[in-house]
Amino acid sequence: SDPKVGAAGGKLLNGDGSLQSGYSRFSTLREEFLIATALGGVLWEAYPYGNDAEKPLDVDWLGSACLLLRRSALDQTGLLDEEYFIYGDEADLQYRLRKSGWRVSYVPACTTIHFGGRSLDRWRRRKMVYRGKMLFYRKNYGAGKTAVLRFMFAVLSLAKMVVWGTAFLVPAWRTRAKRELASNADVIKVCWKLA
């Protein structure tokens, strides 16, 4: 009903009814570090997605599991960028909406059960999530911040490979270590490929 709202979405729930999230802030390098190292989750419960507003509010971006978009807003800003393929595309679209003056509104009375993480297994998903974040930075934040993000992801992935390389020596961890090593190697490749 509000002509200034270009996108609206609601609360996302896990299959068991617990809160998943529904909205987020646009990424910062600090947040990406806290997510990639898992330090954010150690310092704050459910970081960075522990948001559960009870009243409607304007947000940076909404998860696309339940997302309504105004046609006139899309006509002005364009559709999803196909370069993403998956992960990050909805944040990019809503970044463009916000930049063009449209509001993005979270409506918690609307709830959707979202069985997240079913498109790809966790090891293939890691590469695509990091790829989406780097594309978002390249498109919206400029070369400097993109270079810092790519370097940070590459260094952290290399550090994880050292840890999982050691875990590979333990027979009980060998299967998981192989997957983790391959997944982090894929992230490093993407970091250099998206120059």
Protein backbone atom coordinates (compact mmCIF):
# COMPACT_ATOMS: atom_id res chain seq x y z
CA SER A 1 0.00 0.00 0.00
CA ASP A 2 3.02 2.34 0.38
CA PRO A 3 4.15 3.52 -3.08
CA LYS A 4 7.71 4.18 -1.81
CA VAL A 5 8.29 0.51 -0.89
CA GLY A 6 10.05 -1.33 -3.70
CA ALA A 7 10.47 -4.65 -1.88
CA ALA A 8 8.81 -6.37 1.07
CA GLY A 9 9.31 -9.67 2.81
CA GLY A 10 8.68 -11.42 6.06
CA LYS A 11 10.15 -13.55 8.80
CA LEU A 12 11.90 -16.75 7.71
CA LEU A 13 11.59 -19.82 9.93
CA ASN A 14 13.45 -23.12 9.91
CA GLY A 15 11.50 -26.33 9.44
CA ASP A 16 11.26 -26.77 13.23
CA GLY A 17 9.70 -23.30 13.62
CA SER A 18 12.82 -21.61 15.04
CA LEU A 19 13.92 -18.24 13.68
CA GLN A 20 16.15 -18.35 10.62
CA SER A 21 16.19 -14.66 9.74
CA GLY A 22 14.50 -12.47 7.24
CA TYR A 23 16.68 -9.44 6.79
CA SER A 24 20.24 -8.21 7.08
CA ARG A 25 22.48 -5.17 6.78
CA PHE A 26 24.67 -4.66 3.76
CA SER A 27 28.04 -6.30 4.27
CA THR A 28 31.11 -4.64 5.78
CA LEU A 29 34.67 -5.98 5.80
CA ARG A 30 34.52 -6.28 9.59
CA GLU A 31 31.36 -8.39 9.40
CA GLU A 32 32.80 -10.59 6.68
CA PHE A 33 35.84 -11.25 8.87
CA LEU A 34 33.66 -12.13 11.87
CA ILE A 35 31.56 -14.49 9.73
CA ALA A 36 34.46 -16.16 7.92
CA THR A 37 36.37 -16.78 11.14
CA ALA A 38 33.22 -17.72 13.12
CA LEU A 39 34.29 -15.18 15.78
CA GLY A 40 30.99 -13.34 15.38
CA GLY A 41 29.06 -16.41 16.48
CA VAL A 42 31.34 -16.83 19.49
CA LEU A 43 30.90 -13.20 20.57
CA TRP A 44 27.18 -12.74 19.80
CA GLU A 45 24.41 -15.30 19.70
CA ALA A 46 23.16 -16.08 16.17
CA TYR A 47 25.54 -13.53 14.63
CA PRO A 48 24.94 -11.97 12.11
CA TYR A 49 21.35 -13.09 11.63
CA GLY A 50 19.93 -12.88 15.14
CA ASN A 51 17.44 -10.24 14.10
CA ASP A 52 13.83 -10.74 15.11
CA ALA A 53 11.99 -7.43 14.94
CA GLU A 54 8.37 -7.67 16.06
CA LYS A 55 7.16 -4.61 14.14
CA PRO A 56 7.57 -3.71 10.46
CA LEU A 57 10.73 -1.77 9.69
CA ASP A 58 12.87 -0.64 6.79
CA VAL A 59 15.99 -2.77 6.30
CA ASP A 60 18.95 -2.98 3.93
CA TRP A 61 17.95 -6.26 2.31
CA LEU A 62 15.62 -9.23 2.70
CA GLY A 63 16.16 -12.91 2.09
CA SER A 64 14.69 -14.01 -1.23
CA ALA A 65 12.85 -17.06 0.14
CA CYS A 66 9.89 -14.69 0.59
CA LEU A 67 10.32 -11.47 -1.34
CA LEU A 68 7.73 -9.31 -3.07
CA LEU A 69 9.00 -6.71 -5.53
CA ARG A 70 7.16 -3.75 -7.03
CA ARG A 71 7.13 -3.92 -10.83
CA SER A 72 7.82 -0.20 -11.26
CA ALA A 73 10.86 -0.54 -8.97
CA LEU A 74 12.19 -3.42 -11.08
CA ASP A 75 11.52 -1.45 -14.27
CA GLN A 76 13.68 1.33 -12.86
CA THR A 77 16.56 -0.71 -11.40
CA GLY A 78 16.55 -3.90 -13.48
CA LEU A 79 16.15 -7.57 -12.57
CA LEU A 80 18.52 -9.93 -10.76
CA ASP A 81 22.05 -9.87 -12.17
CA GLU A 82 22.61 -13.23 -13.89
CA GLU A 83 26.37 -13.10 -13.22
CA TYR A 84 25.66 -14.25 -9.66
CA PHE A 85 23.84 -17.50 -10.53
CA ILE A 86 23.12 -18.07 -6.82
CA TYR A 87 23.88 -16.31 -3.49
CA GLY A 88 24.27 -12.55 -3.29
CA ASP A 89 21.93 -11.70 -6.15
CA GLU A 90 19.07 -10.60 -3.89
CA ALA A 91 21.33 -8.33 -1.83
CA ASP A 92 22.66 -6.77 -5.03
CA LEU A 93 19.16 -6.14 -6.39
CA GLN A 94 18.02 -4.54 -3.14
CA TYR A 95 21.21 -2.47 -2.95
CA ARG A 96 20.25 -1.03 -6.35
CA LEU A 97 16.67 -0.48 -5.15
CA ARG A 98 17.86 1.39 -2.06
CA LYS A 99 20.34 3.41 -4.12
CA SER A 100 17.48 4.46 -6.42
CA GLY A 101 15.43 5.71 -3.46
CA TRP A 102 13.12 2.73 -2.91
CA ARG A 103 12.42 1.43 0.57
CA VAL A 104 12.85 -2.24 1.53
CA SER A 105 10.41 -3.28 4.25
CA TYR A 106 10.44 -6.21 6.65
CA VAL A 107 6.94 -7.37 7.63
CA PRO A 108 7.26 -9.88 10.49
CA ALA A 109 3.55 -10.81 10.46
CA CYS A 110 4.27 -12.65 7.23
CA THR A 111 6.14 -15.88 7.96
CA THR A 112 7.63 -18.42 5.60
CA ILE A 113 9.20 -21.77 6.40
CA HIS A 114 12.47 -21.92 4.49
CA PHE A 115 14.41 -25.15 4.26
CA GLY A 116 17.71 -23.37 3.66
CA GLY A 117 20.90 -24.84 2.30
CA ARG A 118 19.22 -27.45 0.11
CA SER A 119 20.46 -26.18 -3.27
CA LEU A 120 24.08 -27.23 -2.69
CA ASP A 121 25.94 -29.19 -0.04
CA ARG A 122 27.93 -27.11 2.45
CA TRP A 123 31.25 -27.60 0.69
CA ARG A 124 30.07 -26.49 -2.76
CA ARG A 125 27.91 -23.77 -1.21
CA ARG A 126 30.95 -22.16 0.48
CA LYS A 127 32.56 -21.35 -2.87
CA MET A 128 29.34 -19.92 -4.30
CA VAL A 129 28.59 -17.83 -1.19
CA TYR A 130 32.10 -16.35 -1.21
CA ARG A 131 31.86 -15.79 -4.97
CA GLY A 132 28.57 -13.91 -4.46
CA LYS A 133 30.09 -11.73 -1.76
CA MET A 134 33.08 -10.85 -3.94
CA LEU A 135 30.81 -10.02 -6.90
CA PHE A 136 28.71 -7.79 -4.65
CA TYR A 137 31.81 -5.93 -3.48
CA ARG A 138 33.18 -5.61 -7.02
CA LYS A 139 29.90 -4.21 -8.31
CA ASN A 140 29.02 -1.96 -5.41
CA TYR A 141 32.00 -1.14 -3.16
CA GLY A 142 34.88 -0.53 -5.56
CA ALA A 143 38.26 -2.07 -6.29
CA GLY A 144 39.94 -1.29 -2.95
CA LYS A 145 37.42 -3.00 -0.68
CA THR A 146 37.07 -5.85 -3.17
CA ALA A 147 40.82 -6.47 -3.11
CA VAL A 148 40.82 -6.51 0.71
CA LEU A 149 37.89 -8.95 0.79
CA ARG A 150 39.49 -11.27 -1.78
CA PHE A 151 42.79 -11.24 0.10
CA MET A 152 41.03 -11.89 3.42
CA PHE A 153 39.05 -14.83 2.04
CA ALA A 154 42.16 -16.31 0.41
CA VAL A 155 44.29 -16.02 3.56
CA LEU A 156 41.55 -17.42 5.81
CA SER A 157 40.93 -20.30 3.40
CA LEU A 158 44.66 -21.05 3.33
CA ALA A 159 44.73 -21.06 7.16
CA LYS A 160 41.75 -23.43 7.20
CA MET A 161 43.59 -25.70 4.76
CA VAL A 162 46.52 -25.90 7.17
CA VAL A 163 44.15 -26.93 9.97
CA TRP A 164 42.29 -29.47 7.81
CA GLY A 165 45.56 -30.76 6.38
CA THR A 166 46.57 -31.64 9.93
CA ALA A 167 43.14 -33.19 10.60
CA PHE A 168 43.58 -35.33 7.48
CA LEU A 169 46.28 -37.24 9.35
CA VAL A 170 43.65 -38.51 11.81
CA PRO A 171 41.78 -41.44 10.20
CA ALA A 172 38.43 -40.52 11.82
CA TRP A 173 38.63 -37.01 10.29
CA ARG A 174 39.98 -37.99 6.87
CA THR A 175 36.70 -37.93 4.89
CA ARG A 176 35.62 -34.55 6.24
CA ALA A 177 39.14 -33.14 5.90
CA LYS A 178 39.22 -34.06 2.20
CA ARG A 179 36.00 -32.16 1.59
CA GLU A 180 37.14 -29.15 3.61
CA LEU A 181 40.49 -29.04 1.83
CA ALA A 182 38.83 -29.18 -1.60
CA SER A 183 36.22 -26.58 -0.61
CA ASN A 184 38.78 -24.09 0.70
CA ALA A 185 40.99 -24.66 -2.36
CA ASP A 186 37.95 -23.78 -4.51
CA VAL A 187 37.50 -20.54 -2.55
CA ILE A 188 41.15 -19.60 -3.15
CA LYS A 189 40.71 -20.23 -6.90
CA VAL A 190 37.62 -18.03 -6.97
CA CYS A 191 39.48 -15.27 -5.10
CA TRP A 192 42.03 -15.01 -7.91
CA LYS A 193 39.62 -15.73 -10.75
CA LEU A 194 37.30 -12.81 -9.92
CA ALA A 195 39.98 -10.17 -10.40
